[in-house]
């Protein structure tokens, strides 16, 4: 009695052209876009950012109105009502920081990062795809926040002597500066999240860099701290401040302008993100 032996067939997954499927960079970006929007925290953090900036801007504008405009005791420096938006963004920035961190650390928490790096074995394209998606989402969020804030504060500032002049270069810089600043701190938070791989550690580090270190640095009576304080990431806030506010907040160290301060923030982003990229290639997922 003979037994027929059937050789196992070889199953090969091929693409449309008969070649092995390839995960291109645009597909990586699309997958990161889908992943970002399937997490509830994304919607909540973006909503809190918009509501925070618009709501706090309206409250500051109301304070200006109640105090009699630029001549009163409201939150306006030398008639620079545009500083209202810088103040409100400083309060609402924490939500963007959380979004930037969770974009990368959420996958380390769930273990999904292994799947992501398996799909992109060279690793770095996955990191750049996440950064690109985060940049686009946060920048658009900042633009929408500024548009809604302008509409919300326009009737409150009307007739106060602190009206906004959209033709003024400083006003234009601040209106562009808010989304740029939000994007910068989101990328800094993202880079620290990729470097530390832990949400709480990254959040504590970012908030320390943005909110804690500068007051401590400037309070220490040594020349080293005076000279280095302008080169902390918080200098990026200058891009969304009026010239009068920048001049008033200058310390004893080197004086940086609005774009110079923002360049300092971008330098921090580049250095931390580059370090995270190197370690991503070397460390296990």
C-alpha atoms as a PDB file:
ATOM      1  CA  UNK A   1       0.000   0.000   0.000  1.00  0.00           C
ATOM      2  CA  UNK A   2       1.531   3.254  -1.032  1.00  0.00           C
ATOM      3  CA  UNK A   3       0.940   6.618   0.590  1.00  0.00           C
ATOM      4  CA  UNK A   4       0.758   9.699  -1.540  1.00  0.00           C
ATOM      5  CA  UNK A   5       2.890  12.499  -0.243  1.00  0.00           C
ATOM      6  CA  UNK A   6       1.874  16.047  -1.004  1.00  0.00           C
ATOM      7  CA  UNK A   7       4.682  18.524  -0.897  1.00  0.00           C
ATOM      8  CA  UNK A   8       3.748  21.675   1.042  1.00  0.00           C
ATOM      9  CA  UNK A   9       3.158  24.619  -1.199  1.00  0.00           C
ATOM     10  CA  UNK A  10       5.131  27.790  -0.711  1.00  0.00           C
ATOM     11  CA  UNK A  11       2.964  30.849  -0.182  1.00  0.00           C
ATOM     12  CA  UNK A  12       4.556  34.090  -1.203  1.00  0.00           C
ATOM     13  CA  UNK A  13       2.970  37.433  -0.533  1.00  0.00           C
ATOM     14  CA  UNK A  14       3.529  39.615  -3.495  1.00  0.00           C
ATOM     15  CA  UNK A  15       2.519  43.012  -4.557  1.00  0.00           C
ATOM     16  CA  UNK A  16       0.758  44.024  -7.727  1.00  0.00           C
ATOM     17  CA  UNK A  17       3.940  43.707  -9.746  1.00  0.00           C
ATOM     18  CA  UNK A  18       4.917  40.336  -8.265  1.00  0.00           C
ATOM     19  CA  UNK A  19       7.433  41.761  -5.820  1.00  0.00           C
ATOM     20  CA  UNK A  20       7.498  41.762  -2.029  1.00  0.00           C
ATOM     21  CA  UNK A  21       5.354  44.542  -0.587  1.00  0.00           C
ATOM     22  CA  UNK A  22       7.221  47.644   0.477  1.00  0.00           C
ATOM     23  CA  UNK A  23       6.086  50.068   3.163  1.00  0.00           C
ATOM     24  CA  UNK A  24       6.876  53.409   1.584  1.00  0.00           C
ATOM     25  CA  UNK A  25       7.397  56.572   3.588  1.00  0.00           C
ATOM     26  CA  UNK A  26       4.043  58.114   2.519  1.00  0.00           C
ATOM     27  CA  UNK A  27       2.338  54.943   3.768  1.00  0.00           C
ATOM     28  CA  UNK A  28       4.229  55.246   7.033  1.00  0.00           C
ATOM     29  CA  UNK A  29       2.987  58.815   7.395  1.00  0.00           C
ATOM     30  CA  UNK A  30      -0.557  57.696   6.639  1.00  0.00           C
ATOM     31  CA  UNK A  31      -0.355  54.914   9.218  1.00  0.00           C
ATOM     32  CA  UNK A  32       0.932  57.339  11.853  1.00  0.00           C
ATOM     33  CA  UNK A  33      -1.912  59.719  10.994  1.00  0.00           C
ATOM     34  CA  UNK A  34      -4.440  56.935  11.553  1.00  0.00           C
ATOM     35  CA  UNK A  35      -2.795  55.864  14.815  1.00  0.00           C
ATOM     36  CA  UNK A  36      -2.740  59.431  16.127  1.00  0.00           C
ATOM     37  CA  UNK A  37      -6.450  59.962  15.554  1.00  0.00           C
ATOM     38  CA  UNK A  38      -7.540  56.591  16.931  1.00  0.00           C
ATOM     39  CA  UNK A  39      -6.282  57.562  20.393  1.00  0.00           C
ATOM     40  CA  UNK A  40      -8.767  59.485  22.547  1.00  0.00           C
ATOM     41  CA  UNK A  41      -6.052  61.625  24.114  1.00  0.00           C
ATOM     42  CA  UNK A  42      -5.435  63.309  20.743  1.00  0.00           C
ATOM     43  CA  UNK A  43      -8.938  64.737  20.527  1.00  0.00           C
ATOM     44  CA  UNK A  44      -8.935  65.789  24.166  1.00  0.00           C
ATOM     45  CA  UNK A  45      -5.552  67.510  24.092  1.00  0.00           C
ATOM     46  CA  UNK A  46      -6.331  69.383  20.872  1.00  0.00           C
ATOM     47  CA  UNK A  47      -9.730  70.449  22.201  1.00  0.00           C
ATOM     48  CA  UNK A  48      -8.178  71.641  25.466  1.00  0.00           C
ATOM     49  CA  UNK A  49      -5.530  73.581  23.551  1.00  0.00           C
ATOM     50  CA  UNK A  50      -8.070  75.417  21.408  1.00  0.00           C
ATOM     51  CA  UNK A  51     -10.487  76.042  24.281  1.00  0.00           C
ATOM     52  CA  UNK A  52      -7.664  77.130  26.552  1.00  0.00           C
ATOM     53  CA  UNK A  53      -6.153  79.647  24.123  1.00  0.00           C
ATOM     54  CA  UNK A  54      -9.502  81.064  23.001  1.00  0.00           C
ATOM     55  CA  UNK A  55     -11.022  81.134  26.479  1.00  0.00           C
ATOM     56  CA  UNK A  56      -8.037  82.682  28.252  1.00  0.00           C
ATOM     57  CA  UNK A  57      -7.588  85.222  25.436  1.00  0.00           C
ATOM     58  CA  UNK A  58     -11.213  86.263  25.849  1.00  0.00           C
ATOM     59  CA  UNK A  59     -10.767  86.591  29.627  1.00  0.00           C
ATOM     60  CA  UNK A  60      -7.687  88.771  29.193  1.00  0.00           C
ATOM     61  CA  UNK A  61      -9.505  90.891  26.601  1.00  0.00           C
ATOM     62  CA  UNK A  62     -12.406  91.274  29.021  1.00  0.00           C
ATOM     63  CA  UNK A  63      -9.953  92.406  31.699  1.00  0.00           C
ATOM     64  CA  UNK A  64      -8.564  94.993  29.283  1.00  0.00           C
ATOM     65  CA  UNK A  65     -12.086  96.200  28.537  1.00  0.00           C
ATOM     66  CA  UNK A  66     -13.004  96.455  32.220  1.00  0.00           C
ATOM     67  CA  UNK A  67      -9.775  98.291  33.056  1.00  0.00           C
ATOM     68  CA  UNK A  68     -10.345 100.921  30.405  1.00  0.00           C
ATOM     69  CA  UNK A  69      -8.028  99.657  27.696  1.00  0.00           C
ATOM     70  CA  UNK A  70      -4.305 100.168  27.330  1.00  0.00           C
ATOM     71  CA  UNK A  71      -4.270 102.969  29.860  1.00  0.00           C
ATOM     72  CA  UNK A  72      -5.626 100.810  32.678  1.00  0.00           C
ATOM     73  CA  UNK A  73      -4.207  97.996  34.742  1.00  0.00           C
ATOM     74  CA  UNK A  74      -5.126  95.191  32.365  1.00  0.00           C
ATOM     75  CA  UNK A  75      -2.673  92.662  30.907  1.00  0.00           C
ATOM     76  CA  UNK A  76      -1.442  94.981  28.171  1.00  0.00           C
ATOM     77  CA  UNK A  77       2.100  96.352  27.927  1.00  0.00           C
ATOM     78  CA  UNK A  78       2.385  99.775  26.279  1.00  0.00           C
ATOM     79  CA  UNK A  79      -0.801  99.200  24.311  1.00  0.00           C
ATOM     80  CA  UNK A  80       0.441  95.845  23.022  1.00  0.00           C
ATOM     81  CA  UNK A  81      -2.860  93.987  23.165  1.00  0.00           C
ATOM     82  CA  UNK A  82      -1.256  91.318  21.025  1.00  0.00           C
ATOM     83  CA  UNK A  83       0.475  90.064  24.202  1.00  0.00           C
ATOM     84  CA  UNK A  84      -2.891  88.631  25.237  1.00  0.00           C
ATOM     85  CA  UNK A  85      -2.318  85.707  22.884  1.00  0.00           C
ATOM     86  CA  UNK A  86       1.158  85.033  24.230  1.00  0.00           C
ATOM     87  CA  UNK A  87      -0.212  84.914  27.778  1.00  0.00           C
ATOM     88  CA  UNK A  88      -3.026  82.551  26.857  1.00  0.00           C
ATOM     89  CA  UNK A  89      -0.719  80.231  24.911  1.00  0.00           C
ATOM     90  CA  UNK A  90       1.666  80.030  27.867  1.00  0.00           C
ATOM     91  CA  UNK A  91      -1.215  78.706  29.973  1.00  0.00           C
ATOM     92  CA  UNK A  92      -2.556  76.303  27.326  1.00  0.00           C
ATOM     93  CA  UNK A  93       0.782  74.866  26.179  1.00  0.00           C
ATOM     94  CA  UNK A  94       0.672  71.945  28.631  1.00  0.00           C
ATOM     95  CA  UNK A  95      -1.979  70.170  26.545  1.00  0.00           C
ATOM     96  CA  UNK A  96       0.281  70.321  23.477  1.00  0.00           C
ATOM     97  CA  UNK A  97       3.201  69.023  25.529  1.00  0.00           C
ATOM     98  CA  UNK A  98       1.112  66.026  26.614  1.00  0.00           C
ATOM     99  CA  UNK A  99       0.118  65.339  22.994  1.00  0.00           C
ATOM    100  CA  UNK A 100       3.735  65.436  21.836  1.00  0.00           C
ATOM    101  CA  UNK A 101       4.832  63.019  24.545  1.00  0.00           C
ATOM    102  CA  UNK A 102       1.993  60.526  24.095  1.00  0.00           C
ATOM    103  CA  UNK A 103       2.576  60.417  20.340  1.00  0.00           C
ATOM    104  CA  UNK A 104       5.665  58.296  21.011  1.00  0.00           C
ATOM    105  CA  UNK A 105       5.510  57.054  24.628  1.00  0.00           C
ATOM    106  CA  UNK A 106       2.008  55.640  24.210  1.00  0.00           C
ATOM    107  CA  UNK A 107       3.418  52.949  21.929  1.00  0.00           C
ATOM    108  CA  UNK A 108       6.161  52.089  24.403  1.00  0.00           C
ATOM    109  CA  UNK A 109       3.541  51.727  27.141  1.00  0.00           C
ATOM    110  CA  UNK A 110       1.357  49.338  25.129  1.00  0.00           C
ATOM    111  CA  UNK A 111       4.213  47.547  23.371  1.00  0.00           C
ATOM    112  CA  UNK A 112       2.890  48.662  19.978  1.00  0.00           C
ATOM    113  CA  UNK A 113       6.304  50.138  19.227  1.00  0.00           C
ATOM    114  CA  UNK A 114       7.577  46.630  18.391  1.00  0.00           C
ATOM    115  CA  UNK A 115       4.990  46.306  15.634  1.00  0.00           C
ATOM    116  CA  UNK A 116       5.820  49.764  14.327  1.00  0.00           C
ATOM    117  CA  UNK A 117       9.549  49.041  14.170  1.00  0.00           C
ATOM    118  CA  UNK A 118       8.913  45.651  12.578  1.00  0.00           C
ATOM    119  CA  UNK A 119       7.023  47.393   9.783  1.00  0.00           C
ATOM    120  CA  UNK A 120       9.857  49.922   9.487  1.00  0.00           C
ATOM    121  CA  UNK A 121      12.998  47.906  10.314  1.00  0.00           C
ATOM    122  CA  UNK A 122      15.341  50.823   9.674  1.00  0.00           C
ATOM    123  CA  UNK A 123      13.434  52.584  12.500  1.00  0.00           C
ATOM    124  CA  UNK A 124      14.222  56.190  11.685  1.00  0.00           C
ATOM    125  CA  UNK A 125      11.499  56.588   9.003  1.00  0.00           C
ATOM    126  CA  UNK A 126       8.919  55.697  11.639  1.00  0.00           C
ATOM    127  CA  UNK A 127      10.297  58.406  13.927  1.00  0.00           C
ATOM    128  CA  UNK A 128      10.259  61.024  11.156  1.00  0.00           C
ATOM    129  CA  UNK A 129       6.728  60.021  10.120  1.00  0.00           C
ATOM    130  CA  UNK A 130       5.474  60.556  13.677  1.00  0.00           C
ATOM    131  CA  UNK A 131       7.231  63.928  13.847  1.00  0.00           C
ATOM    132  CA  UNK A 132       5.725  65.068  10.528  1.00  0.00           C
ATOM    133  CA  UNK A 133       2.185  64.111  11.536  1.00  0.00           C
ATOM    134  CA  UNK A 134       2.581  65.797  14.929  1.00  0.00           C
ATOM    135  CA  UNK A 135       3.969  68.950  13.304  1.00  0.00           C
ATOM    136  CA  UNK A 136       1.062  69.254  10.905  1.00  0.00           C
ATOM    137  CA  UNK A 137      -1.626  68.616  13.526  1.00  0.00           C
ATOM    138  CA  UNK A 138      -0.196  71.026  16.105  1.00  0.00           C
ATOM    139  CA  UNK A 139       0.507  73.814  13.606  1.00  0.00           C
ATOM    140  CA  UNK A 140      -3.035  73.676  12.223  1.00  0.00           C
ATOM    141  CA  UNK A 141      -4.367  73.606  15.794  1.00  0.00           C
ATOM    142  CA  UNK A 142      -2.395  76.761  16.534  1.00  0.00           C
ATOM    143  CA  UNK A 143      -3.695  78.516  13.416  1.00  0.00           C
ATOM    144  CA  UNK A 144      -7.311  77.631  14.271  1.00  0.00           C
ATOM    145  CA  UNK A 145      -6.792  78.741  17.871  1.00  0.00           C
ATOM    146  CA  UNK A 146      -5.464  82.124  16.780  1.00  0.00           C
ATOM    147  CA  UNK A 147      -8.286  82.663  14.282  1.00  0.00           C
ATOM    148  CA  UNK A 148     -10.926  81.888  16.899  1.00  0.00           C
ATOM    149  CA  UNK A 149      -9.115  83.965  19.537  1.00  0.00           C
ATOM    150  CA  UNK A 150      -9.064  86.965  17.222  1.00  0.00           C
ATOM    151  CA  UNK A 151     -12.794  86.649  16.587  1.00  0.00           C
ATOM    152  CA  UNK A 152     -13.466  86.235  20.314  1.00  0.00           C
ATOM    153  CA  UNK A 153     -11.392  89.251  21.410  1.00  0.00           C
ATOM    154  CA  UNK A 154     -12.333  91.610  18.575  1.00  0.00           C
ATOM    155  CA  UNK A 155     -15.638  92.849  20.074  1.00  0.00           C
ATOM    156  CA  UNK A 156     -14.153  93.039  23.581  1.00  0.00           C
ATOM    157  CA  UNK A 157     -11.184  95.191  22.538  1.00  0.00           C
ATOM    158  CA  UNK A 158     -13.220  97.454  20.250  1.00  0.00           C
ATOM    159  CA  UNK A 159     -13.212 101.021  21.543  1.00  0.00           C
ATOM    160  CA  UNK A 160     -10.662 100.358  24.297  1.00  0.00           C
ATOM    161  CA  UNK A 161      -7.665 101.888  22.553  1.00  0.00           C
ATOM    162  CA  UNK A 162      -6.051  98.476  22.497  1.00  0.00           C
ATOM    163  CA  UNK A 163      -7.431  97.237  19.200  1.00  0.00           C
ATOM    164  CA  UNK A 164      -5.387  94.799  17.146  1.00  0.00           C
ATOM    165  CA  UNK A 165      -3.822  96.050  13.915  1.00  0.00           C
ATOM    166  CA  UNK A 166      -3.466  93.135  11.502  1.00  0.00           C
ATOM    167  CA  UNK A 167      -1.247  95.284   9.289  1.00  0.00           C
ATOM    168  CA  UNK A 168       1.318  95.729  12.055  1.00  0.00           C
ATOM    169  CA  UNK A 169       4.453  93.552  11.619  1.00  0.00           C
ATOM    170  CA  UNK A 170       4.571  92.707  15.337  1.00  0.00           C
ATOM    171  CA  UNK A 171       0.940  91.570  15.310  1.00  0.00           C
ATOM    172  CA  UNK A 172       1.599  89.447  12.245  1.00  0.00           C
ATOM    173  CA  UNK A 173       4.642  87.915  13.909  1.00  0.00           C
ATOM    174  CA  UNK A 174       2.667  87.011  17.034  1.00  0.00           C
ATOM    175  CA  UNK A 175      -0.198  85.531  15.004  1.00  0.00           C
ATOM    176  CA  UNK A 176       2.335  83.324  13.199  1.00  0.00           C
ATOM    177  CA  UNK A 177       4.424  82.863  16.326  1.00  0.00           C
ATOM    178  CA  UNK A 178       1.734  81.112  18.362  1.00  0.00           C
ATOM    179  CA  UNK A 179       1.380  78.102  16.027  1.00  0.00           C
ATOM    180  CA  UNK A 180       5.147  78.043  15.500  1.00  0.00           C
ATOM    181  CA  UNK A 181       5.799  78.035  19.240  1.00  0.00           C
ATOM    182  CA  UNK A 182       3.208  75.331  19.883  1.00  0.00           C
ATOM    183  CA  UNK A 183       4.787  73.225  17.140  1.00  0.00           C
ATOM    184  CA  UNK A 184       8.250  73.747  18.605  1.00  0.00           C
ATOM    185  CA  UNK A 185       7.342  72.670  22.137  1.00  0.00           C
ATOM    186  CA  UNK A 186       5.313  69.729  20.810  1.00  0.00           C
ATOM    187  CA  UNK A 187       8.388  68.511  18.920  1.00  0.00           C
ATOM    188  CA  UNK A 188      10.581  69.075  21.984  1.00  0.00           C
ATOM    189  CA  UNK A 189       8.160  67.003  24.063  1.00  0.00           C
ATOM    190  CA  UNK A 190       8.084  64.354  21.330  1.00  0.00           C
ATOM    191  CA  UNK A 191      11.882  64.217  21.198  1.00  0.00           C
ATOM    192  CA  UNK A 192      12.169  63.862  24.968  1.00  0.00           C
ATOM    193  CA  UNK A 193       9.487  61.168  24.904  1.00  0.00           C
ATOM    194  CA  UNK A 194      11.477  59.248  22.286  1.00  0.00           C
ATOM    195  CA  UNK A 195      14.631  59.720  24.346  1.00  0.00           C
ATOM    196  CA  UNK A 196      13.221  58.765  27.764  1.00  0.00           C
ATOM    197  CA  UNK A 197      10.498  56.323  26.626  1.00  0.00           C
ATOM    198  CA  UNK A 198       8.403  57.142  29.684  1.00  0.00           C
ATOM    199  CA  UNK A 199       5.448  59.547  29.760  1.00  0.00           C
ATOM    200  CA  UNK A 200       5.845  60.816  33.322  1.00  0.00           C
ATOM    201  CA  UNK A 201       9.605  61.308  33.027  1.00  0.00           C
ATOM    202  CA  UNK A 202       9.264  63.168  29.720  1.00  0.00           C
ATOM    203  CA  UNK A 203       6.434  65.369  31.044  1.00  0.00           C
ATOM    204  CA  UNK A 204       8.399  66.307  34.156  1.00  0.00           C
ATOM    205  CA  UNK A 205      11.468  67.129  32.042  1.00  0.00           C
ATOM    206  CA  UNK A 206       9.591  69.304  29.545  1.00  0.00           C
ATOM    207  CA  UNK A 207       7.678  71.237  32.198  1.00  0.00           C
ATOM    208  CA  UNK A 208      10.898  71.698  34.123  1.00  0.00           C
ATOM    209  CA  UNK A 209      12.638  73.131  31.067  1.00  0.00           C
ATOM    210  CA  UNK A 210       9.746  75.432  30.153  1.00  0.00           C
ATOM    211  CA  UNK A 211       8.397  76.564  33.523  1.00  0.00           C
ATOM    212  CA  UNK A 212      10.823  75.842  36.364  1.00  0.00           C
ATOM    213  CA  UNK A 213      14.446  76.217  35.296  1.00  0.00           C
ATOM    214  CA  UNK A 214      14.272  79.819  34.028  1.00  0.00           C
ATOM    215  CA  UNK A 215      13.082  81.393  37.335  1.00  0.00           C
ATOM    216  CA  UNK A 216      15.677  79.362  39.243  1.00  0.00           C
ATOM    217  CA  UNK A 217      18.407  80.171  36.710  1.00  0.00           C
ATOM    218  CA  UNK A 218      17.788  83.929  36.838  1.00  0.00           C
ATOM    219  CA  UNK A 219      17.554  83.960  40.646  1.00  0.00           C
ATOM    220  CA  UNK A 220      21.041  82.517  41.141  1.00  0.00           C
ATOM    221  CA  UNK A 221      23.584  85.339  41.605  1.00  0.00           C
ATOM    222  CA  UNK A 222      26.310  83.992  39.353  1.00  0.00           C
ATOM    223  CA  UNK A 223      27.407  85.289  35.975  1.00  0.00           C
ATOM    224  CA  UNK A 224      27.247  81.825  34.403  1.00  0.00           C
ATOM    225  CA  UNK A 225      23.500  81.615  35.007  1.00  0.00           C
ATOM    226  CA  UNK A 226      22.938  85.169  33.757  1.00  0.00           C
ATOM    227  CA  UNK A 227      24.753  84.406  30.507  1.00  0.00           C
ATOM    228  CA  UNK A 228      23.105  81.034  29.856  1.00  0.00           C
ATOM    229  CA  UNK A 229      19.485  81.772  30.863  1.00  0.00           C
ATOM    230  CA  UNK A 230      18.557  83.217  27.415  1.00  0.00           C
ATOM    231  CA  UNK A 231      19.537  79.900  25.838  1.00  0.00           C
ATOM    232  CA  UNK A 232      16.945  77.802  27.650  1.00  0.00           C
ATOM    233  CA  UNK A 233      13.976  76.449  25.637  1.00  0.00           C
ATOM    234  CA  UNK A 234      11.631  78.982  27.238  1.00  0.00           C
ATOM    235  CA  UNK A 235      13.252  81.669  25.076  1.00  0.00           C
ATOM    236  CA  UNK A 236      11.061  80.367  22.273  1.00  0.00           C
ATOM    237  CA  UNK A 237       8.162  82.280  23.827  1.00  0.00           C
ATOM    238  CA  UNK A 238       9.673  85.539  22.573  1.00  0.00           C
ATOM    239  CA  UNK A 239       8.247  84.857  19.128  1.00  0.00           C
ATOM    240  CA  UNK A 240       4.722  85.421  20.455  1.00  0.00           C
ATOM    241  CA  UNK A 241       5.505  88.542  22.494  1.00  0.00           C
ATOM    242  CA  UNK A 242       5.413  92.203  21.535  1.00  0.00           C
ATOM    243  CA  UNK A 243       8.672  94.131  21.309  1.00  0.00           C
ATOM    244  CA  UNK A 244       7.811  95.970  24.529  1.00  0.00           C
ATOM    245  CA  UNK A 245       7.242  92.700  26.381  1.00  0.00           C
ATOM    246  CA  UNK A 246      10.510  91.240  25.074  1.00  0.00           C
ATOM    247  CA  UNK A 247      12.410  94.312  26.231  1.00  0.00           C
ATOM    248  CA  UNK A 248      10.747  94.245  29.646  1.00  0.00           C
ATOM    249  CA  UNK A 249      11.563  90.569  30.187  1.00  0.00           C
ATOM    250  CA  UNK A 250      15.227  90.850  29.238  1.00  0.00           C
ATOM    251  CA  UNK A 251      17.548  89.697  31.998  1.00  0.00           C
ATOM    252  CA  UNK A 252      21.181  90.495  32.694  1.00  0.00           C
ATOM    253  CA  UNK A 253      22.531  88.072  30.096  1.00  0.00           C
ATOM    254  CA  UNK A 254      22.690  88.364  26.297  1.00  0.00           C
ATOM    255  CA  UNK A 255      19.647  90.006  24.713  1.00  0.00           C
ATOM    256  CA  UNK A 256      17.868  87.850  22.135  1.00  0.00           C
ATOM    257  CA  UNK A 257      15.218  89.019  19.718  1.00  0.00           C
ATOM    258  CA  UNK A 258      11.988  87.217  18.885  1.00  0.00           C
ATOM    259  CA  UNK A 259      13.362  85.037  16.101  1.00  0.00           C
ATOM    260  CA  UNK A 260      16.642  84.453  17.918  1.00  0.00           C
ATOM    261  CA  UNK A 261      14.718  83.153  20.919  1.00  0.00           C
ATOM    262  CA  UNK A 262      12.721  80.827  18.705  1.00  0.00           C
ATOM    263  CA  UNK A 263      15.944  79.617  17.079  1.00  0.00           C
ATOM    264  CA  UNK A 264      17.134  78.587  20.557  1.00  0.00           C
ATOM    265  CA  UNK A 265      14.030  76.421  20.984  1.00  0.00           C
ATOM    266  CA  UNK A 266      14.557  74.844  17.562  1.00  0.00           C
ATOM    267  CA  UNK A 267      18.191  74.127  18.435  1.00  0.00           C
ATOM    268  CA  UNK A 268      17.028  72.221  21.519  1.00  0.00           C
ATOM    269  CA  UNK A 269      14.579  70.263  19.358  1.00  0.00           C
ATOM    270  CA  UNK A 270      17.267  69.334  16.820  1.00  0.00           C
ATOM    271  CA  UNK A 271      19.801  68.224  19.452  1.00  0.00           C
ATOM    272  CA  UNK A 272      17.346  66.174  21.534  1.00  0.00           C
ATOM    273  CA  UNK A 273      15.653  64.630  18.492  1.00  0.00           C
ATOM    274  CA  UNK A 274      19.013  63.723  16.935  1.00  0.00           C
ATOM    275  CA  UNK A 275      20.091  62.075  20.189  1.00  0.00           C
ATOM    276  CA  UNK A 276      16.808  60.165  20.360  1.00  0.00           C
ATOM    277  CA  UNK A 277      17.257  59.033  16.746  1.00  0.00           C
ATOM    278  CA  UNK A 278      20.748  57.683  17.440  1.00  0.00           C
ATOM    279  CA  UNK A 279      19.569  55.803  20.517  1.00  0.00           C
ATOM    280  CA  UNK A 280      16.536  54.456  18.672  1.00  0.00           C
ATOM    281  CA  UNK A 281      18.867  52.701  16.262  1.00  0.00           C
ATOM    282  CA  UNK A 282      21.031  51.278  19.043  1.00  0.00           C
ATOM    283  CA  UNK A 283      18.580  50.293  21.789  1.00  0.00           C
ATOM    284  CA  UNK A 284      16.113  47.431  21.852  1.00  0.00           C
ATOM    285  CA  UNK A 285      12.461  48.366  21.449  1.00  0.00           C
END
